[in-house]
N, C-alpha and C. Protein backbone atom coordinates (compact mmCIF):
# COMPACT_ATOMS: atom_id res chain seq x y z
N MET A 1 -21.77 -13.53 -34.79
CA MET A 1 -21.89 -14.35 -35.99
C MET A 1 -22.87 -13.68 -36.96
N LYS A 2 -22.53 -13.71 -38.22
CA LYS A 2 -23.38 -13.09 -39.22
C LYS A 2 -24.64 -13.91 -39.45
N ASP A 3 -25.70 -13.20 -39.79
CA ASP A 3 -26.90 -13.92 -40.17
C ASP A 3 -26.70 -14.51 -41.57
N GLU A 4 -27.58 -15.41 -41.92
CA GLU A 4 -27.40 -16.14 -43.18
C GLU A 4 -27.45 -15.23 -44.40
N LEU A 5 -28.34 -14.24 -44.39
CA LEU A 5 -28.45 -13.34 -45.53
C LEU A 5 -27.15 -12.56 -45.76
N SER A 6 -26.53 -12.09 -44.70
CA SER A 6 -25.26 -11.37 -44.83
C SER A 6 -24.16 -12.29 -45.36
N ARG A 7 -24.19 -13.52 -44.89
CA ARG A 7 -23.20 -14.49 -45.36
C ARG A 7 -23.35 -14.76 -46.86
N LEU A 8 -24.60 -14.91 -47.31
CA LEU A 8 -24.86 -15.14 -48.73
C LEU A 8 -24.44 -13.94 -49.57
N GLN A 9 -24.67 -12.75 -49.05
CA GLN A 9 -24.25 -11.54 -49.76
C GLN A 9 -22.73 -11.49 -49.87
N ASP A 10 -22.03 -11.93 -48.84
CA ASP A 10 -20.56 -12.00 -48.90
C ASP A 10 -20.11 -12.97 -49.99
N TYR A 11 -20.78 -14.12 -50.07
CA TYR A 11 -20.44 -15.10 -51.11
C TYR A 11 -20.64 -14.50 -52.50
N TRP A 12 -21.78 -13.81 -52.69
CA TRP A 12 -22.06 -13.18 -53.97
C TRP A 12 -20.98 -12.15 -54.31
N ARG A 13 -20.62 -11.33 -53.34
CA ARG A 13 -19.60 -10.30 -53.56
C ARG A 13 -18.27 -10.93 -53.95
N ASP A 14 -17.89 -12.01 -53.27
CA ASP A 14 -16.63 -12.70 -53.60
C ASP A 14 -16.63 -13.21 -55.03
N GLU A 15 -17.74 -13.79 -55.47
CA GLU A 15 -17.84 -14.31 -56.83
C GLU A 15 -17.73 -13.17 -57.86
N MET A 16 -18.39 -12.05 -57.58
CA MET A 16 -18.33 -10.93 -58.50
C MET A 16 -16.93 -10.32 -58.56
N GLU A 17 -16.24 -10.25 -57.42
CA GLU A 17 -14.87 -9.74 -57.41
C GLU A 17 -13.95 -10.67 -58.20
N ALA A 18 -14.15 -11.97 -58.06
CA ALA A 18 -13.34 -12.92 -58.82
C ALA A 18 -13.61 -12.77 -60.33
N ALA A 19 -14.87 -12.58 -60.69
CA ALA A 19 -15.21 -12.40 -62.11
C ALA A 19 -14.54 -11.14 -62.67
N LEU A 20 -14.55 -10.08 -61.90
CA LEU A 20 -13.91 -8.84 -62.33
C LEU A 20 -12.39 -9.02 -62.46
N THR A 21 -11.80 -9.77 -61.55
CA THR A 21 -10.37 -10.04 -61.62
C THR A 21 -10.02 -10.80 -62.90
N TYR A 22 -10.80 -11.85 -63.20
CA TYR A 22 -10.54 -12.62 -64.42
C TYR A 22 -10.76 -11.77 -65.67
N GLU A 23 -11.74 -10.89 -65.63
CA GLU A 23 -11.98 -10.01 -66.77
C GLU A 23 -10.78 -9.09 -67.00
N ARG A 24 -10.27 -8.50 -65.94
CA ARG A 24 -9.11 -7.61 -66.07
C ARG A 24 -7.86 -8.36 -66.52
N LEU A 25 -7.68 -9.57 -66.01
CA LEU A 25 -6.54 -10.38 -66.44
C LEU A 25 -6.66 -10.75 -67.91
N SER A 26 -7.87 -11.05 -68.36
CA SER A 26 -8.05 -11.42 -69.77
C SER A 26 -7.76 -10.23 -70.69
N GLU A 27 -8.08 -9.02 -70.23
CA GLU A 27 -7.79 -7.83 -71.04
C GLU A 27 -6.29 -7.61 -71.18
N ALA A 28 -5.53 -8.02 -70.16
CA ALA A 28 -4.08 -7.83 -70.19
C ALA A 28 -3.35 -8.99 -70.86
N ALA A 29 -4.04 -10.11 -71.05
CA ALA A 29 -3.39 -11.30 -71.62
C ALA A 29 -3.07 -11.08 -73.10
N THR A 30 -1.90 -11.53 -73.50
CA THR A 30 -1.49 -11.39 -74.91
C THR A 30 -1.75 -12.68 -75.69
N ASP A 31 -1.71 -13.80 -75.02
CA ASP A 31 -1.93 -15.10 -75.66
C ASP A 31 -3.44 -15.35 -75.80
N PRO A 32 -3.93 -15.64 -77.01
CA PRO A 32 -5.38 -15.87 -77.19
C PRO A 32 -5.92 -17.04 -76.37
N HIS A 33 -5.11 -18.09 -76.23
CA HIS A 33 -5.55 -19.25 -75.45
C HIS A 33 -5.74 -18.85 -73.98
N THR A 34 -4.79 -18.12 -73.45
CA THR A 34 -4.88 -17.66 -72.06
C THR A 34 -6.06 -16.72 -71.89
N ARG A 35 -6.26 -15.82 -72.85
CA ARG A 35 -7.38 -14.89 -72.79
C ARG A 35 -8.71 -15.64 -72.76
N ASN A 36 -8.85 -16.64 -73.64
CA ASN A 36 -10.09 -17.43 -73.68
C ASN A 36 -10.31 -18.19 -72.38
N LEU A 37 -9.25 -18.75 -71.83
CA LEU A 37 -9.36 -19.47 -70.56
C LEU A 37 -9.81 -18.53 -69.44
N LEU A 38 -9.23 -17.35 -69.38
CA LEU A 38 -9.61 -16.38 -68.35
C LEU A 38 -11.06 -15.92 -68.53
N LEU A 39 -11.49 -15.77 -69.77
CA LEU A 39 -12.88 -15.39 -70.02
C LEU A 39 -13.85 -16.50 -69.62
N GLU A 40 -13.45 -17.75 -69.82
CA GLU A 40 -14.27 -18.87 -69.37
C GLU A 40 -14.37 -18.88 -67.85
N MET A 41 -13.24 -18.60 -67.19
CA MET A 41 -13.25 -18.55 -65.73
C MET A 41 -14.14 -17.40 -65.24
N GLN A 42 -14.09 -16.28 -65.94
CA GLN A 42 -14.95 -15.14 -65.59
C GLN A 42 -16.42 -15.54 -65.71
N ASP A 43 -16.75 -16.22 -66.79
CA ASP A 43 -18.13 -16.66 -67.01
C ASP A 43 -18.59 -17.61 -65.91
N THR A 44 -17.71 -18.51 -65.51
CA THR A 44 -18.03 -19.45 -64.43
C THR A 44 -18.31 -18.71 -63.13
N GLU A 45 -17.48 -17.72 -62.81
CA GLU A 45 -17.69 -16.95 -61.58
C GLU A 45 -19.00 -16.17 -61.64
N ARG A 46 -19.34 -15.66 -62.79
CA ARG A 46 -20.61 -14.93 -62.93
C ARG A 46 -21.81 -15.87 -62.75
N ARG A 47 -21.69 -17.10 -63.26
CA ARG A 47 -22.77 -18.07 -63.04
C ARG A 47 -22.90 -18.40 -61.56
N HIS A 48 -21.76 -18.56 -60.88
CA HIS A 48 -21.81 -18.80 -59.43
C HIS A 48 -22.49 -17.64 -58.71
N ALA A 49 -22.14 -16.41 -59.11
CA ALA A 49 -22.74 -15.23 -58.50
C ALA A 49 -24.25 -15.20 -58.74
N ALA A 50 -24.67 -15.63 -59.93
CA ALA A 50 -26.10 -15.66 -60.24
C ALA A 50 -26.83 -16.63 -59.32
N ARG A 51 -26.21 -17.76 -59.01
CA ARG A 51 -26.82 -18.71 -58.08
C ARG A 51 -26.99 -18.10 -56.70
N TRP A 52 -25.95 -17.41 -56.23
CA TRP A 52 -26.04 -16.77 -54.91
C TRP A 52 -27.12 -15.69 -54.95
N HIS A 53 -27.23 -14.97 -56.06
CA HIS A 53 -28.25 -13.92 -56.18
C HIS A 53 -29.65 -14.52 -56.05
N LEU A 54 -29.87 -15.65 -56.71
CA LEU A 54 -31.17 -16.31 -56.59
C LEU A 54 -31.45 -16.76 -55.17
N ARG A 55 -30.43 -17.29 -54.52
CA ARG A 55 -30.59 -17.74 -53.13
C ARG A 55 -30.89 -16.56 -52.21
N ILE A 56 -30.18 -15.44 -52.44
CA ILE A 56 -30.41 -14.24 -51.63
C ILE A 56 -31.84 -13.75 -51.84
N SER A 57 -32.29 -13.72 -53.08
CA SER A 57 -33.65 -13.27 -53.38
C SER A 57 -34.69 -14.16 -52.71
N ALA A 58 -34.49 -15.46 -52.79
CA ALA A 58 -35.44 -16.41 -52.18
C ALA A 58 -35.44 -16.26 -50.67
N ASP A 59 -34.27 -16.14 -50.05
CA ASP A 59 -34.20 -15.99 -48.60
C ASP A 59 -34.83 -14.69 -48.14
N ALA A 60 -34.60 -13.62 -48.89
CA ALA A 60 -35.20 -12.33 -48.53
C ALA A 60 -36.72 -12.41 -48.62
N TYR A 61 -37.22 -13.09 -49.63
CA TYR A 61 -38.67 -13.28 -49.79
C TYR A 61 -39.23 -14.05 -48.61
N LEU A 62 -38.58 -15.12 -48.24
CA LEU A 62 -39.07 -15.93 -47.12
C LEU A 62 -39.02 -15.16 -45.81
N GLN A 63 -37.96 -14.40 -45.58
CA GLN A 63 -37.86 -13.62 -44.36
C GLN A 63 -38.94 -12.55 -44.30
N LEU A 64 -39.27 -11.99 -45.45
CA LEU A 64 -40.28 -10.95 -45.50
C LEU A 64 -41.65 -11.49 -45.14
N PHE A 65 -41.99 -12.68 -45.65
CA PHE A 65 -43.34 -13.20 -45.48
C PHE A 65 -43.49 -14.28 -44.42
N ARG A 66 -42.43 -14.81 -43.91
CA ARG A 66 -42.53 -15.90 -42.94
C ARG A 66 -43.24 -15.39 -41.68
N GLY A 67 -44.28 -16.07 -41.30
CA GLY A 67 -44.99 -15.72 -40.08
C GLY A 67 -45.90 -14.52 -40.21
N SER A 68 -46.08 -14.01 -41.39
CA SER A 68 -46.91 -12.82 -41.58
C SER A 68 -48.39 -13.19 -41.48
N GLN A 69 -49.11 -12.52 -40.57
CA GLN A 69 -50.54 -12.77 -40.43
C GLN A 69 -51.29 -12.39 -41.70
N GLN A 70 -50.89 -11.30 -42.33
CA GLN A 70 -51.55 -10.87 -43.56
C GLN A 70 -51.35 -11.91 -44.65
N PHE A 71 -50.17 -12.52 -44.69
CA PHE A 71 -49.87 -13.53 -45.70
C PHE A 71 -50.83 -14.71 -45.53
N ARG A 72 -51.05 -15.14 -44.28
CA ARG A 72 -51.93 -16.28 -44.02
C ARG A 72 -53.40 -15.91 -44.20
N ARG A 73 -53.73 -14.66 -43.93
CA ARG A 73 -55.12 -14.22 -44.02
C ARG A 73 -55.68 -14.41 -45.42
N TYR A 74 -54.85 -14.24 -46.41
CA TYR A 74 -55.30 -14.37 -47.80
C TYR A 74 -55.17 -15.80 -48.32
N GLY A 75 -54.90 -16.72 -47.43
CA GLY A 75 -54.84 -18.12 -47.82
C GLY A 75 -53.58 -18.50 -48.56
N LEU A 76 -52.58 -17.65 -48.48
CA LEU A 76 -51.32 -17.96 -49.16
C LEU A 76 -50.41 -18.69 -48.20
N ASP A 77 -49.66 -19.59 -48.72
CA ASP A 77 -48.71 -20.33 -47.90
C ASP A 77 -47.38 -20.32 -48.60
N LEU A 78 -46.32 -20.49 -47.83
CA LEU A 78 -45.00 -20.54 -48.44
C LEU A 78 -44.90 -21.76 -49.33
N PRO A 79 -44.33 -21.60 -50.50
CA PRO A 79 -44.22 -22.75 -51.41
C PRO A 79 -43.32 -23.82 -50.82
N ARG A 80 -43.72 -25.05 -50.98
CA ARG A 80 -42.94 -26.17 -50.48
C ARG A 80 -42.03 -26.63 -51.60
N VAL A 81 -40.76 -26.72 -51.33
CA VAL A 81 -39.79 -27.12 -52.34
C VAL A 81 -39.63 -28.63 -52.27
N ARG A 82 -39.82 -29.28 -53.39
CA ARG A 82 -39.67 -30.74 -53.44
C ARG A 82 -38.26 -31.10 -53.86
N SER A 83 -37.81 -32.22 -53.35
CA SER A 83 -36.54 -32.75 -53.83
C SER A 83 -36.78 -33.38 -55.19
N LYS A 84 -35.72 -33.61 -55.93
CA LYS A 84 -35.86 -34.24 -57.25
C LYS A 84 -36.44 -35.64 -57.12
N ALA A 85 -36.00 -36.36 -56.10
CA ALA A 85 -36.51 -37.73 -55.91
C ALA A 85 -38.01 -37.71 -55.63
N GLU A 86 -38.45 -36.77 -54.80
CA GLU A 86 -39.87 -36.68 -54.50
C GLU A 86 -40.67 -36.29 -55.74
N HIS A 87 -40.11 -35.39 -56.54
CA HIS A 87 -40.77 -34.98 -57.78
C HIS A 87 -40.94 -36.19 -58.71
N HIS A 88 -39.91 -37.02 -58.84
CA HIS A 88 -39.98 -38.19 -59.72
C HIS A 88 -40.99 -39.21 -59.18
N ARG A 89 -41.06 -39.38 -57.85
CA ARG A 89 -42.05 -40.30 -57.28
C ARG A 89 -43.46 -39.82 -57.62
N CYS A 90 -43.69 -38.52 -57.52
CA CYS A 90 -45.02 -37.97 -57.85
C CYS A 90 -45.34 -38.18 -59.32
N GLN A 91 -44.36 -37.99 -60.18
CA GLN A 91 -44.59 -38.18 -61.62
C GLN A 91 -44.92 -39.64 -61.92
N ARG A 92 -44.19 -40.57 -61.29
CA ARG A 92 -44.47 -42.00 -61.51
C ARG A 92 -45.87 -42.35 -61.00
N PHE A 93 -46.24 -41.81 -59.83
CA PHE A 93 -47.56 -42.09 -59.28
C PHE A 93 -48.64 -41.59 -60.22
N ARG A 94 -48.49 -40.38 -60.73
CA ARG A 94 -49.50 -39.83 -61.64
C ARG A 94 -49.60 -40.64 -62.92
N SER A 95 -48.46 -41.12 -63.43
CA SER A 95 -48.50 -41.85 -64.68
C SER A 95 -49.12 -43.23 -64.53
N CYS A 96 -48.92 -43.89 -63.39
CA CYS A 96 -49.48 -45.24 -63.25
C CYS A 96 -50.92 -45.21 -62.74
N CYS A 97 -51.33 -44.12 -62.11
CA CYS A 97 -52.69 -44.06 -61.55
C CYS A 97 -53.62 -43.17 -62.34
N ALA A 98 -53.16 -42.65 -63.45
CA ALA A 98 -54.01 -41.74 -64.22
C ALA A 98 -55.03 -42.48 -65.05
């Protein structure tokens, strides 16, 4: 079974291949409406690829530093990601208790 990072890289590659396919199809399209639709689909695939790229970058960062003694020695800790609901609860608490 593939590790998670390899799986994410596969997802990114698939999105980029789809974007390239839509780009080539749009170049061959003769109808302007079809060309615009294919370009929109290409843009969507590129945005999806960008999301996977961010996830790959974040996972690589965490794998690099997770459990590192040097990382802890300098008082650094992995950032804790809050959910949106938790973020809103914190904002409400700060506003009513400030």
